[in-house]
Amino acid sequence: MAVKTIWQITHSCDHQADRDLSNRAADRRAGFAKWLANQECTDCWRTSKEGAEPDKAAWLKAKRAEERAESEAWSQQYRMPPLDGTERAVTWGVRCRHQVLAAAYTALVLEGETSKTEWEEIEKAARTVTRAGWWLDQHSSEPDDLTELLQAATGADRTTENPHF
């Protein structure tokens, strides 16, 4: 006798549905059917998620606005130059630059053995990199790699003192 492929599932929300489990190995169907019984049906799951989406979207929007304001305030406080790129890239680039430099300062100066004078040189080099895309590319880099990454930045990533050059 073959293992059944159509299972009648009574979900945790008390809705019932016939599920075709033929795409699962025969020895895994019973376990999956049991797992499905502990879940809400698809319709109830969607309904519960739809109600939560506006709250999540509003929270995310507020969180991003807070991070943007914090990054822009940090950039002004430490006299970081404006970044070049599209409006969206600049917005994210400012945030990434703030996060990369803050993480590097913590790792290298506060927790590491980099002196304040050495950090000032790193910060000076960071100020020359004004392409927002470069900072976006470095957002997941290791703090210890910052010095090497700044040295690897090309002329296209850096500003020149003479804007007509």
Foldseek 3Di string as FASTA:
>chain_A
DAQDQWDWAQAPVRDIDIDGNVVDDSVCVVVVSVVRNDHDPPVVVVVVVVVCVVVVVVVVVVVLVVLLVVLVVVCVVLVADQADDDPVLSSVLSSLLSQLLVQLCCVPPVVHDQDPVNNVVLVVLSSFFRHSVLSVVCSPPHSVCSVVSSVVDDPVRGDDPDNVD
